[in-house]
N, C-alpha and C. Protein backbone atom coordinates (compact mmCIF):
# COMPACT_ATOMS: atom_id res chain seq x y z
N UNK A 1 73.62 130.94 103.51
CA UNK A 1 74.44 129.74 103.41
C UNK A 1 74.77 129.25 104.82
N UNK A 2 74.65 127.95 105.01
CA UNK A 2 74.98 127.35 106.30
C UNK A 2 76.49 127.22 106.46
N UNK A 3 76.96 127.19 107.72
CA UNK A 3 78.40 127.01 107.96
C UNK A 3 78.89 125.68 107.39
N UNK A 4 80.13 125.64 107.03
CA UNK A 4 80.74 124.44 106.46
C UNK A 4 81.54 123.70 107.53
N UNK A 5 81.77 122.42 107.27
CA UNK A 5 82.49 121.55 108.20
C UNK A 5 83.97 121.91 108.19
N UNK A 6 84.52 122.06 109.38
CA UNK A 6 85.96 122.32 109.54
C UNK A 6 86.68 121.07 110.02
N UNK A 7 86.02 120.33 110.93
CA UNK A 7 86.59 119.09 111.48
C UNK A 7 85.49 118.05 111.62
N UNK A 8 85.89 116.79 111.51
CA UNK A 8 84.96 115.68 111.72
C UNK A 8 85.69 114.57 112.47
N UNK A 9 84.97 113.98 113.43
CA UNK A 9 85.53 112.87 114.20
C UNK A 9 84.47 111.79 114.30
N UNK A 10 84.79 110.57 113.84
CA UNK A 10 83.84 109.48 114.01
C UNK A 10 83.75 109.11 115.49
N UNK A 11 82.53 108.87 115.95
CA UNK A 11 82.29 108.52 117.35
C UNK A 11 81.60 107.16 117.38
N UNK A 12 81.26 106.72 118.56
CA UNK A 12 80.59 105.43 118.74
C UNK A 12 79.23 105.40 118.05
N UNK A 13 78.82 104.21 117.67
CA UNK A 13 77.46 103.95 117.19
C UNK A 13 77.11 104.77 115.94
N UNK A 14 78.06 104.93 115.03
CA UNK A 14 77.84 105.58 113.74
C UNK A 14 77.36 107.03 113.87
N UNK A 15 77.99 107.75 114.77
CA UNK A 15 77.72 109.17 114.95
C UNK A 15 79.00 109.93 114.61
N UNK A 16 78.83 111.08 113.95
CA UNK A 16 79.96 111.95 113.64
C UNK A 16 79.90 113.19 114.51
N UNK A 17 81.03 113.57 115.07
CA UNK A 17 81.14 114.83 115.79
C UNK A 17 81.69 115.84 114.80
N UNK A 18 80.86 116.83 114.48
CA UNK A 18 81.21 117.82 113.47
C UNK A 18 81.53 119.16 114.12
N UNK A 19 82.59 119.80 113.69
CA UNK A 19 82.89 121.17 114.08
C UNK A 19 82.77 122.01 112.83
N UNK A 20 81.95 123.06 112.93
CA UNK A 20 81.69 123.93 111.79
C UNK A 20 82.56 125.18 111.86
N UNK A 21 82.67 125.86 110.74
CA UNK A 21 83.52 127.05 110.65
C UNK A 21 83.13 128.14 111.64
N UNK A 22 81.88 128.16 112.06
CA UNK A 22 81.43 129.17 113.02
C UNK A 22 81.69 128.76 114.47
N UNK A 23 82.36 127.63 114.68
CA UNK A 23 82.71 127.16 116.01
C UNK A 23 81.70 126.21 116.63
N UNK A 24 80.53 126.05 116.01
CA UNK A 24 79.52 125.13 116.55
C UNK A 24 80.00 123.69 116.43
N UNK A 25 79.68 122.90 117.46
CA UNK A 25 79.91 121.45 117.42
C UNK A 25 78.55 120.78 117.45
N UNK A 26 78.36 119.84 116.55
CA UNK A 26 77.10 119.13 116.46
C UNK A 26 77.36 117.65 116.22
N UNK A 27 76.33 116.84 116.52
CA UNK A 27 76.40 115.40 116.28
C UNK A 27 75.50 115.06 115.10
N UNK A 28 76.04 114.27 114.17
CA UNK A 28 75.28 113.81 113.01
C UNK A 28 75.19 112.29 113.08
N UNK A 29 73.97 111.77 113.16
CA UNK A 29 73.72 110.33 113.25
C UNK A 29 73.63 109.75 111.84
N UNK A 30 74.55 108.88 111.51
CA UNK A 30 74.60 108.28 110.18
C UNK A 30 73.71 107.04 110.10
N UNK A 31 73.28 106.48 111.24
CA UNK A 31 72.51 105.23 111.24
C UNK A 31 71.30 105.23 110.30
N UNK A 32 70.52 106.31 110.20
CA UNK A 32 69.36 106.26 109.30
C UNK A 32 69.73 106.07 107.82
N UNK A 33 70.98 106.29 107.46
CA UNK A 33 71.44 106.17 106.08
C UNK A 33 72.04 104.79 105.77
N UNK A 34 72.31 103.99 106.78
CA UNK A 34 73.12 102.78 106.60
C UNK A 34 72.47 101.67 105.77
N UNK A 35 71.19 101.78 105.46
CA UNK A 35 70.54 100.77 104.62
C UNK A 35 70.19 101.32 103.25
N UNK A 36 70.80 102.44 102.88
CA UNK A 36 70.51 103.10 101.61
C UNK A 36 71.73 103.03 100.70
N UNK A 37 71.58 102.39 99.56
CA UNK A 37 72.61 102.39 98.50
C UNK A 37 74.04 102.24 99.00
N UNK A 38 74.90 103.16 98.54
CA UNK A 38 76.32 103.09 98.87
C UNK A 38 76.60 103.31 100.35
N UNK A 39 75.66 103.92 101.07
CA UNK A 39 75.86 104.14 102.50
C UNK A 39 76.00 102.82 103.26
N UNK A 40 75.51 101.73 102.67
CA UNK A 40 75.64 100.42 103.31
C UNK A 40 77.11 100.05 103.55
N UNK A 41 78.00 100.56 102.70
CA UNK A 41 79.43 100.29 102.87
C UNK A 41 79.96 100.85 104.18
N UNK A 42 79.27 101.86 104.72
CA UNK A 42 79.73 102.49 105.98
C UNK A 42 79.49 101.59 107.19
N UNK A 43 78.76 100.50 107.01
CA UNK A 43 78.59 99.53 108.10
C UNK A 43 79.94 98.92 108.47
N UNK A 44 80.85 98.90 107.50
CA UNK A 44 82.23 98.48 107.77
C UNK A 44 82.87 99.60 108.59
N UNK A 45 83.16 99.32 109.84
CA UNK A 45 83.63 100.36 110.76
C UNK A 45 84.93 101.00 110.29
N UNK A 46 85.76 100.25 109.58
CA UNK A 46 87.01 100.82 109.07
C UNK A 46 86.73 101.89 108.02
N UNK A 47 85.76 101.64 107.16
CA UNK A 47 85.38 102.65 106.17
C UNK A 47 84.72 103.83 106.87
N UNK A 48 83.81 103.56 107.82
CA UNK A 48 83.15 104.64 108.55
C UNK A 48 84.19 105.54 109.22
N UNK A 49 85.18 104.95 109.85
CA UNK A 49 86.20 105.71 110.58
C UNK A 49 87.18 106.45 109.66
N UNK A 50 87.11 106.21 108.36
CA UNK A 50 88.03 106.88 107.42
C UNK A 50 87.58 108.29 107.06
N UNK A 51 86.49 108.76 107.62
CA UNK A 51 85.91 110.06 107.26
C UNK A 51 86.89 111.20 107.54
N UNK A 52 86.92 112.15 106.61
CA UNK A 52 87.78 113.34 106.71
C UNK A 52 86.99 114.56 106.24
N UNK A 53 87.36 115.76 106.72
CA UNK A 53 86.75 116.96 106.16
C UNK A 53 87.22 117.14 104.72
N UNK A 54 86.34 117.67 103.87
CA UNK A 54 86.69 117.84 102.46
C UNK A 54 85.86 118.97 101.87
N UNK A 55 86.50 120.07 101.52
CA UNK A 55 85.86 121.20 100.85
C UNK A 55 84.58 121.66 101.54
N UNK A 56 84.62 121.74 102.86
CA UNK A 56 83.46 122.21 103.62
C UNK A 56 82.46 121.13 103.95
N UNK A 57 82.71 119.93 103.50
CA UNK A 57 81.84 118.80 103.78
C UNK A 57 82.69 117.68 104.38
N UNK A 58 82.26 116.44 104.15
CA UNK A 58 83.03 115.29 104.61
C UNK A 58 83.15 114.28 103.48
N UNK A 59 84.16 113.43 103.57
CA UNK A 59 84.41 112.44 102.54
C UNK A 59 84.98 111.18 103.19
N UNK A 60 84.45 110.02 102.76
CA UNK A 60 85.00 108.74 103.21
C UNK A 60 85.92 108.19 102.14
N UNK A 61 86.76 107.23 102.52
CA UNK A 61 87.75 106.67 101.59
C UNK A 61 87.11 105.99 100.38
N UNK A 62 85.85 105.60 100.48
CA UNK A 62 85.18 104.96 99.35
C UNK A 62 84.58 106.00 98.39
N UNK A 63 84.82 107.29 98.63
CA UNK A 63 84.35 108.34 97.75
C UNK A 63 82.98 108.90 98.10
N UNK A 64 82.34 108.34 99.11
CA UNK A 64 81.02 108.80 99.54
C UNK A 64 81.14 110.10 100.31
N UNK A 65 80.21 111.01 100.05
CA UNK A 65 80.20 112.28 100.77
C UNK A 65 78.77 112.67 101.10
N UNK A 66 78.61 113.74 101.85
CA UNK A 66 77.29 114.27 102.18
C UNK A 66 77.28 115.77 101.95
N UNK A 67 76.12 116.28 101.60
CA UNK A 67 75.96 117.71 101.39
C UNK A 67 76.22 118.47 102.69
N UNK A 68 77.01 119.54 102.66
CA UNK A 68 77.29 120.28 103.88
C UNK A 68 76.03 120.88 104.51
N UNK A 69 75.04 121.24 103.71
CA UNK A 69 73.79 121.77 104.27
C UNK A 69 73.04 120.67 105.04
N UNK A 70 73.02 119.46 104.50
CA UNK A 70 72.40 118.34 105.19
C UNK A 70 73.10 118.11 106.53
N UNK A 71 74.42 118.13 106.51
CA UNK A 71 75.18 117.91 107.75
C UNK A 71 74.82 118.95 108.82
N UNK A 72 74.70 120.19 108.41
CA UNK A 72 74.40 121.24 109.38
C UNK A 72 72.94 121.19 109.85
N UNK A 73 72.02 121.06 108.92
CA UNK A 73 70.60 121.13 109.25
C UNK A 73 70.07 119.89 109.96
N UNK A 74 70.67 118.72 109.70
CA UNK A 74 70.17 117.48 110.29
C UNK A 74 71.00 117.00 111.48
N UNK A 75 71.91 117.81 111.95
CA UNK A 75 72.70 117.42 113.13
C UNK A 75 72.16 118.15 114.36
N UNK A 76 72.47 117.58 115.51
CA UNK A 76 72.01 118.14 116.80
C UNK A 76 73.19 118.63 117.59
């Protein structure tokens, strides 16, 4: 099992700074998702900036979330 998200901070240009339970910090680029379905709502910077950690993953105010394994494996 991959580490889960402990903290998330929205950064410039639709990037999330993620801190995982194992202490690793990684960057997750949300831009490739912004033209897909509900992810288009994240183009609104206020919604994008509403991201919070939630049960080892992340959650935006519009109810959108991402799989914690995706966050870990696809971040740098």
